[in-house]
Amino acid sequence: SWLLREHGYEVRAVEDAAGVFAALEERTPDLLLLDIMMPEMDGFQALERIKGDERWRDVPVLMFSAMPAEEATIRT
């Protein structure tokens, strides 16, 4: 987040999916950076919920993870 702020972007960092949804309720972002590995609800589940809500359906989402690419892209 500090790198984005250094380049003039407004950043709101949250700890978990509950924080994501609370922040979305307050303000719809121009872009959402979403970690795949979050406590309680993973990023894929959060993304499904976000895209299922018409208020946030059109928000661009960039998913990222510290997991190896093969693991991060495989869903069962």
PDB file of N, CA and C in Angstrom:
ATOM      1  N   SER A   1       0.821  -1.198   0.000  1.00  0.00           N
ATOM      2  CA  SER A   1       0.000   0.000   0.000  1.00  0.00           C
ATOM      3  C   SER A   1       0.865   1.262   0.000  1.00  0.00           C
ATOM      4  N   TRP A   2       2.029   1.199   0.641  1.00  0.00           N
ATOM      5  CA  TRP A   2       2.864   2.400   0.689  1.00  0.00           C
ATOM      6  C   TRP A   2       3.333   2.808  -0.700  1.00  0.00           C
ATOM      7  N   LEU A   3       3.619   1.833  -1.568  1.00  0.00           N
ATOM      8  CA  LEU A   3       4.070   2.135  -2.930  1.00  0.00           C
ATOM      9  C   LEU A   3       2.968   2.842  -3.723  1.00  0.00           C
ATOM     10  N   LEU A   4       1.752   2.371  -3.586  1.00  0.00           N
ATOM     11  CA  LEU A   4       0.637   3.022  -4.264  1.00  0.00           C
ATOM     12  C   LEU A   4       0.419   4.432  -3.729  1.00  0.00           C
ATOM     13  N   ARG A   5       0.511   4.579  -2.416  1.00  0.00           N
ATOM     14  CA  ARG A   5       0.353   5.916  -1.823  1.00  0.00           C
ATOM     15  C   ARG A   5       1.448   6.863  -2.308  1.00  0.00           C
ATOM     16  N   GLU A   6       2.674   6.345  -2.417  1.00  0.00           N
ATOM     17  CA  GLU A   6       3.795   7.153  -2.898  1.00  0.00           C
ATOM     18  C   GLU A   6       3.550   7.673  -4.309  1.00  0.00           C
ATOM     19  N   HIS A   7       2.733   6.977  -5.073  1.00  0.00           N
ATOM     20  CA  HIS A   7       2.421   7.393  -6.438  1.00  0.00           C
ATOM     21  C   HIS A   7       1.085   8.126  -6.536  1.00  0.00           C
ATOM     22  N   GLY A   8       0.564   8.561  -5.395  1.00  0.00           N
ATOM     23  CA  GLY A   8      -0.607   9.426  -5.376  1.00  0.00           C
ATOM     24  C   GLY A   8      -1.957   8.736  -5.300  1.00  0.00           C
ATOM     25  N   TYR A   9      -1.965   7.415  -5.114  1.00  0.00           N
ATOM     26  CA  TYR A   9      -3.241   6.710  -5.024  1.00  0.00           C
ATOM     27  C   TYR A   9      -3.755   6.717  -3.594  1.00  0.00           C
ATOM     28  N   GLU A  10      -5.058   6.789  -3.463  1.00  0.00           N
ATOM     29  CA  GLU A  10      -5.695   6.659  -2.163  1.00  0.00           C
ATOM     30  C   GLU A  10      -5.877   5.166  -1.906  1.00  0.00           C
ATOM     31  N   VAL A  11      -5.415   4.693  -0.765  1.00  0.00           N
ATOM     32  CA  VAL A  11      -5.434   3.263  -0.461  1.00  0.00           C
ATOM     33  C   VAL A  11      -6.161   3.032   0.844  1.00  0.00           C
ATOM     34  N   ARG A  12      -6.988   2.000   0.852  1.00  0.00           N
ATOM     35  CA  ARG A  12      -7.637   1.562   2.093  1.00  0.00           C
ATOM     36  C   ARG A  12      -7.288   0.095   2.262  1.00  0.00           C
ATOM     37  N   ALA A  13      -6.484  -0.226   3.252  1.00  0.00           N
ATOM     38  CA  ALA A  13      -6.075  -1.604   3.522  1.00  0.00           C
ATOM     39  C   ALA A  13      -6.947  -2.179   4.628  1.00  0.00           C
ATOM     40  N   VAL A  14      -7.358  -3.429   4.445  1.00  0.00           N
ATOM     41  CA  VAL A  14      -8.158  -4.123   5.458  1.00  0.00           C
ATOM     42  C   VAL A  14      -7.538  -5.486   5.728  1.00  0.00           C
ATOM     43  N   GLU A  15      -7.932  -6.106   6.826  1.00  0.00           N
ATOM     44  CA  GLU A  15      -7.319  -7.352   7.278  1.00  0.00           C
ATOM     45  C   GLU A  15      -7.963  -8.620   6.734  1.00  0.00           C
ATOM     46  N   ASP A  16      -9.261  -8.566   6.443  1.00  0.00           N
ATOM     47  CA  ASP A  16      -9.976  -9.796   6.088  1.00  0.00           C
ATOM     48  C   ASP A  16     -11.196  -9.468   5.230  1.00  0.00           C
ATOM     49  N   ALA A  17     -11.934 -10.496   4.851  1.00  0.00           N
ATOM     50  CA  ALA A  17     -13.101 -10.317   3.987  1.00  0.00           C
ATOM     51  C   ALA A  17     -14.158  -9.424   4.643  1.00  0.00           C
ATOM     52  N   ALA A  18     -14.337  -9.543   5.947  1.00  0.00           N
ATOM     53  CA  ALA A  18     -15.303  -8.679   6.637  1.00  0.00           C
ATOM     54  C   ALA A  18     -14.921  -7.218   6.444  1.00  0.00           C
ATOM     55  N   GLY A  19     -13.626  -6.936   6.509  1.00  0.00           N
ATOM     56  CA  GLY A  19     -13.138  -5.578   6.279  1.00  0.00           C
ATOM     57  C   GLY A  19     -13.365  -5.124   4.852  1.00  0.00           C
ATOM     58  N   VAL A  20     -13.226  -6.049   3.909  1.00  0.00           N
ATOM     59  CA  VAL A  20     -13.470  -5.733   2.497  1.00  0.00           C
ATOM     60  C   VAL A  20     -14.912  -5.272   2.318  1.00  0.00           C
ATOM     61  N   PHE A  21     -15.847  -6.049   2.841  1.00  0.00           N
ATOM     62  CA  PHE A  21     -17.261  -5.718   2.663  1.00  0.00           C
ATOM     63  C   PHE A  21     -17.662  -4.457   3.423  1.00  0.00           C
ATOM     64  N   ALA A  22     -17.071  -4.228   4.578  1.00  0.00           N
ATOM     65  CA  ALA A  22     -17.344  -2.990   5.316  1.00  0.00           C
ATOM     66  C   ALA A  22     -16.843  -1.786   4.516  1.00  0.00           C
ATOM     67  N   ALA A  23     -15.651  -1.907   3.932  1.00  0.00           N
ATOM     68  CA  ALA A  23     -15.098  -0.815   3.128  1.00  0.00           C
ATOM     69  C   ALA A  23     -15.931  -0.590   1.869  1.00  0.00           C
ATOM     70  N   LEU A  24     -16.391  -1.661   1.238  1.00  0.00           N
ATOM     71  CA  LEU A  24     -17.226  -1.524   0.048  1.00  0.00           C
ATOM     72  C   LEU A  24     -18.538  -0.827   0.359  1.00  0.00           C
ATOM     73  N   GLU A  25     -19.090  -1.089   1.534  1.00  0.00           N
ATOM     74  CA  GLU A  25     -20.335  -0.431   1.943  1.00  0.00           C
ATOM     75  C   GLU A  25     -20.134   1.074   2.083  1.00  0.00           C
ATOM     76  N   GLU A  26     -18.947   1.479   2.510  1.00  0.00           N
ATOM     77  CA  GLU A  26     -18.657   2.899   2.713  1.00  0.00           C
ATOM     78  C   GLU A  26     -18.387   3.626   1.407  1.00  0.00           C
ATOM     79  N   ARG A  27     -17.657   2.958   0.506  1.00  0.00           N
ATOM     80  CA  ARG A  27     -17.255   3.612  -0.744  1.00  0.00           C
ATOM     81  C   ARG A  27     -16.852   2.564  -1.767  1.00  0.00           C
ATOM     82  N   THR A  28     -17.346   2.709  -2.986  1.00  0.00           N
ATOM     83  CA  THR A  28     -16.984   1.790  -4.061  1.00  0.00           C
ATOM     84  C   THR A  28     -15.643   2.231  -4.649  1.00  0.00           C
ATOM     85  N   PRO A  29     -14.661   1.351  -4.657  1.00  0.00           N
ATOM     86  CA  PRO A  29     -13.334   1.733  -5.152  1.00  0.00           C
ATOM     87  C   PRO A  29     -13.250   1.698  -6.682  1.00  0.00           C
ATOM     88  N   ASP A  30     -12.211   2.319  -7.211  1.00  0.00           N
ATOM     89  CA  ASP A  30     -11.934   2.249  -8.648  1.00  0.00           C
ATOM     90  C   ASP A  30     -11.305   0.908  -9.004  1.00  0.00           C
ATOM     91  N   LEU A  31     -10.601   0.306  -8.045  1.00  0.00           N
ATOM     92  CA  LEU A  31      -9.930  -0.980  -8.228  1.00  0.00           C
ATOM     93  C   LEU A  31      -9.849  -1.667  -6.876  1.00  0.00           C
ATOM     94  N   LEU A  32     -10.055  -2.972  -6.866  1.00  0.00           N
ATOM     95  CA  LEU A  32      -9.957  -3.756  -5.637  1.00  0.00           C
ATOM     96  C   LEU A  32      -8.828  -4.761  -5.804  1.00  0.00           C
ATOM     97  N   LEU A  33      -7.832  -4.706  -4.924  1.00  0.00           N
ATOM     98  CA  LEU A  33      -6.759  -5.698  -4.882  1.00  0.00           C
ATOM     99  C   LEU A  33      -7.152  -6.700  -3.808  1.00  0.00           C
ATOM    100  N   LEU A  34      -7.282  -7.952  -4.189  1.00  0.00           N
ATOM    101  CA  LEU A  34      -7.841  -8.956  -3.295  1.00  0.00           C
ATOM    102  C   LEU A  34      -6.886 -10.133  -3.147  1.00  0.00           C
ATOM    103  N   ASP A  35      -6.475 -10.411  -1.934  1.00  0.00           N
ATOM    104  CA  ASP A  35      -5.588 -11.539  -1.651  1.00  0.00           C
ATOM    105  C   ASP A  35      -6.387 -12.834  -1.707  1.00  0.00           C
ATOM    106  N   ILE A  36      -5.808 -13.848  -2.293  1.00  0.00           N
ATOM    107  CA  ILE A  36      -6.474 -15.150  -2.354  1.00  0.00           C
ATOM    108  C   ILE A  36      -6.541 -15.778  -0.966  1.00  0.00           C
ATOM    109  N   MET A  37      -5.484 -15.602  -0.181  1.00  0.00           N
ATOM    110  CA  MET A  37      -5.428 -16.222   1.146  1.00  0.00           C
ATOM    111  C   MET A  37      -5.803 -15.197   2.215  1.00  0.00           C
ATOM    112  N   MET A  38      -7.042 -15.305   2.688  1.00  0.00           N
ATOM    113  CA  MET A  38      -7.517 -14.452   3.777  1.00  0.00           C
ATOM    114  C   MET A  38      -8.142 -15.350   4.842  1.00  0.00           C
ATOM    115  N   PRO A  39      -8.144 -14.886   6.084  1.00  0.00           N
ATOM    116  CA  PRO A  39      -8.797 -15.681   7.122  1.00  0.00           C
ATOM    117  C   PRO A  39     -10.317 -15.653   6.949  1.00  0.00           C
ATOM    118  N   GLU A  40     -10.973 -16.675   7.433  1.00  0.00           N
ATOM    119  CA  GLU A  40     -12.436 -16.788   7.441  1.00  0.00           C
ATOM    120  C   GLU A  40     -13.021 -17.091   6.067  1.00  0.00           C
ATOM    121  N   MET A  41     -12.774 -16.233   5.078  1.00  0.00           N
ATOM    122  CA  MET A  41     -13.308 -16.402   3.730  1.00  0.00           C
ATOM    123  C   MET A  41     -12.152 -16.153   2.760  1.00  0.00           C
ATOM    124  N   ASP A  42     -11.893 -17.105   1.846  1.00  0.00           N
ATOM    125  CA  ASP A  42     -10.777 -16.875   0.928  1.00  0.00           C
ATOM    126  C   ASP A  42     -11.163 -15.875  -0.162  1.00  0.00           C
ATOM    127  N   GLY A  43     -10.166 -15.449  -0.917  1.00  0.00           N
ATOM    128  CA  GLY A  43     -10.387 -14.437  -1.939  1.00  0.00           C
ATOM    129  C   GLY A  43     -11.358 -14.858  -3.020  1.00  0.00           C
ATOM    130  N   PHE A  44     -11.362 -16.151  -3.366  1.00  0.00           N
ATOM    131  CA  PHE A  44     -12.303 -16.626  -4.389  1.00  0.00           C
ATOM    132  C   PHE A  44     -13.748 -16.505  -3.903  1.00  0.00           C
ATOM    133  N   GLN A  45     -13.969 -16.846  -2.641  1.00  0.00           N
ATOM    134  CA  GLN A  45     -15.315 -16.724  -2.076  1.00  0.00           C
ATOM    135  C   GLN A  45     -15.735 -15.258  -2.005  1.00  0.00           C
ATOM    136  N   ALA A  46     -14.800 -14.403  -1.599  1.00  0.00           N
ATOM    137  CA  ALA A  46     -15.098 -12.968  -1.532  1.00  0.00           C
ATOM    138  C   ALA A  46     -15.405 -12.425  -2.925  1.00  0.00           C
ATOM    139  N   LEU A  47     -14.624 -12.842  -3.919  1.00  0.00           N
ATOM    140  CA  LEU A  47     -14.847 -12.389  -5.290  1.00  0.00           C
ATOM    141  C   LEU A  47     -16.223 -12.812  -5.789  1.00  0.00           C
ATOM    142  N   GLU A  48     -16.608 -14.032  -5.490  1.00  0.00           N
ATOM    143  CA  GLU A  48     -17.930 -14.516  -5.906  1.00  0.00           C
ATOM    144  C   GLU A  48     -19.037 -13.656  -5.295  1.00  0.00           C
ATOM    145  N   ARG A  49     -18.878 -13.315  -4.043  1.00  0.00           N
ATOM    146  CA  ARG A  49     -19.880 -12.479  -3.372  1.00  0.00           C
ATOM    147  C   ARG A  49     -19.882 -11.055  -3.941  1.00  0.00           C
ATOM    148  N   ILE A  50     -18.706 -10.514  -4.204  1.00  0.00           N
ATOM    149  CA  ILE A  50     -18.600  -9.161  -4.762  1.00  0.00           C
ATOM    150  C   ILE A  50     -19.260  -9.102  -6.133  1.00  0.00           C
ATOM    151  N   LYS A  51     -18.924 -10.051  -7.000  1.00  0.00           N
ATOM    152  CA  LYS A  51     -19.462 -10.049  -8.359  1.00  0.00           C
ATOM    153  C   LYS A  51     -20.945 -10.421  -8.392  1.00  0.00           C
ATOM    154  N   GLY A  52     -21.438 -11.031  -7.332  1.00  0.00           N
ATOM    155  CA  GLY A  52     -22.849 -11.365  -7.237  1.00  0.00           C
ATOM    156  C   GLY A  52     -23.719 -10.210  -6.763  1.00  0.00           C
ATOM    157  N   ASP A  53     -23.093  -9.128  -6.346  1.00  0.00           N
ATOM    158  CA  ASP A  53     -23.819  -7.956  -5.863  1.00  0.00           C
ATOM    159  C   ASP A  53     -23.783  -6.879  -6.939  1.00  0.00           C
ATOM    160  N   GLU A  54     -24.932  -6.446  -7.415  1.00  0.00           N
ATOM    161  CA  GLU A  54     -24.977  -5.495  -8.523  1.00  0.00           C
ATOM    162  C   GLU A  54     -24.288  -4.171  -8.210  1.00  0.00           C
ATOM    163  N   ARG A  55     -24.163  -3.811  -6.929  1.00  0.00           N
ATOM    164  CA  ARG A  55     -23.477  -2.559  -6.567  1.00  0.00           C
ATOM    165  C   ARG A  55     -21.996  -2.608  -6.910  1.00  0.00           C
ATOM    166  N   TRP A  56     -21.397  -3.809  -6.858  1.00  0.00           N
ATOM    167  CA  TRP A  56     -19.947  -3.933  -7.025  1.00  0.00           C
ATOM    168  C   TRP A  56     -19.553  -4.790  -8.227  1.00  0.00           C
ATOM    169  N   ARG A  57     -20.527  -5.251  -8.965  1.00  0.00           N
ATOM    170  CA  ARG A  57     -20.298  -6.172 -10.081  1.00  0.00           C
ATOM    171  C   ARG A  57     -19.262  -5.640 -11.080  1.00  0.00           C
ATOM    172  N   ASP A  58     -19.258  -4.333 -11.319  1.00  0.00           N
ATOM    173  CA  ASP A  58     -18.387  -3.748 -12.324  1.00  0.00           C
ATOM    174  C   ASP A  58     -17.050  -3.240 -11.788  1.00  0.00           C
ATOM    175  N   VAL A  59     -16.798  -3.425 -10.498  1.00  0.00           N
ATOM    176  CA  VAL A  59     -15.521  -3.003  -9.926  1.00  0.00           C
ATOM    177  C   VAL A  59     -14.429  -3.957 -10.415  1.00  0.00           C
ATOM    178  N   PRO A  60     -13.363  -3.424 -11.026  1.00  0.00           N
ATOM    179  CA  PRO A  60     -12.268  -4.302 -11.437  1.00  0.00           C
ATOM    180  C   PRO A  60     -11.567  -4.881 -10.206  1.00  0.00           C
ATOM    181  N   VAL A  61     -11.232  -6.163 -10.269  1.00  0.00           N
ATOM    182  CA  VAL A  61     -10.584  -6.852  -9.150  1.00  0.00           C
ATOM    183  C   VAL A  61      -9.293  -7.487  -9.649  1.00  0.00           C
ATOM    184  N   LEU A  62      -8.210  -7.224  -8.943  1.00  0.00           N
ATOM    185  CA  LEU A  62      -6.927  -7.857  -9.219  1.00  0.00           C
ATOM    186  C   LEU A  62      -6.638  -8.797  -8.059  1.00  0.00           C
ATOM    187  N   MET A  63      -6.585 -10.098  -8.366  1.00  0.00           N
ATOM    188  CA  MET A  63      -6.307 -11.101  -7.338  1.00  0.00           C
ATOM    189  C   MET A  63      -4.795 -11.316  -7.255  1.00  0.00           C
ATOM    190  N   PHE A  64      -4.300 -11.503  -6.037  1.00  0.00           N
ATOM    191  CA  PHE A  64      -2.883 -11.809  -5.865  1.00  0.00           C
ATOM    192  C   PHE A  64      -2.717 -12.797  -4.730  1.00  0.00           C
ATOM    193  N   SER A  65      -1.525 -13.418  -4.679  1.00  0.00           N
ATOM    194  CA  SER A  65      -1.261 -14.390  -3.630  1.00  0.00           C
ATOM    195  C   SER A  65       0.233 -14.642  -3.508  1.00  0.00           C
ATOM    196  N   ALA A  66       0.647 -15.044  -2.332  1.00  0.00           N
ATOM    197  CA  ALA A  66       2.025 -15.458  -2.113  1.00  0.00           C
ATOM    198  C   ALA A  66       2.199 -16.936  -2.457  1.00  0.00           C
ATOM    199  N   MET A  67       1.093 -17.616  -2.758  1.00  0.00           N
ATOM    200  CA  MET A  67       1.151 -19.038  -3.109  1.00  0.00           C
ATOM    201  C   MET A  67       1.799 -19.201  -4.485  1.00  0.00           C
ATOM    202  N   PRO A  68       2.413 -20.375  -4.744  1.00  0.00           N
ATOM    203  CA  PRO A  68       2.920 -20.637  -6.092  1.00  0.00           C
ATOM    204  C   PRO A  68       1.775 -20.552  -7.108  1.00  0.00           C
ATOM    205  N   ALA A  69       2.074 -20.121  -8.300  1.00  0.00           N
ATOM    206  CA  ALA A  69       1.043 -19.891  -9.332  1.00  0.00           C
ATOM    207  C   ALA A  69       0.154 -21.111  -9.559  1.00  0.00           C
ATOM    208  N   GLU A  70       0.736 -22.298  -9.574  1.00  0.00           N
ATOM    209  CA  GLU A  70      -0.062 -23.515  -9.818  1.00  0.00           C
ATOM    210  C   GLU A  70      -1.126 -23.699  -8.745  1.00  0.00           C
ATOM    211  N   GLU A  71      -0.781 -23.442  -7.504  1.00  0.00           N
ATOM    212  CA  GLU A  71      -1.727 -23.601  -6.402  1.00  0.00           C
ATOM    213  C   GLU A  71      -2.770 -22.494  -6.380  1.00  0.00           C
ATOM    214  N   ALA A  72      -2.369 -21.296  -6.752  1.00  0.00           N
ATOM    215  CA  ALA A  72      -3.267 -20.158  -6.687  1.00  0.00           C
ATOM    216  C   ALA A  72      -4.337 -20.217  -7.776  1.00  0.00           C
ATOM    217  N   THR A  73      -4.082 -20.912  -8.869  1.00  0.00           N
ATOM    218  CA  THR A  73      -5.025 -20.916  -9.965  1.00  0.00           C
ATOM    219  C   THR A  73      -5.926 -22.151  -9.975  1.00  0.00           C
ATOM    220  N   ILE A  74      -5.605 -23.144  -9.171  1.00  0.00           N
ATOM    221  CA  ILE A  74      -6.397 -24.383  -9.145  1.00  0.00           C
ATOM    222  C   ILE A  74      -7.485 -24.254  -8.104  1.00  0.00           C
ATOM    223  N   ARG A  75      -8.734 -24.500  -8.528  1.00  0.00           N
ATOM    224  CA  ARG A  75      -9.872 -24.501  -7.602  1.00  0.00           C
ATOM    225  C   ARG A  75     -10.565 -25.829  -7.710  1.00  0.00           C
ATOM    226  N   THR A  76     -11.009 -26.346  -6.569  1.00  0.00           N
ATOM    227  CA  THR A  76     -11.760 -27.598  -6.595  1.00  0.00           C
ATOM    228  C   THR A  76     -13.188 -27.337  -6.195  1.00  0.00           C
TER     229      THR A  76
END
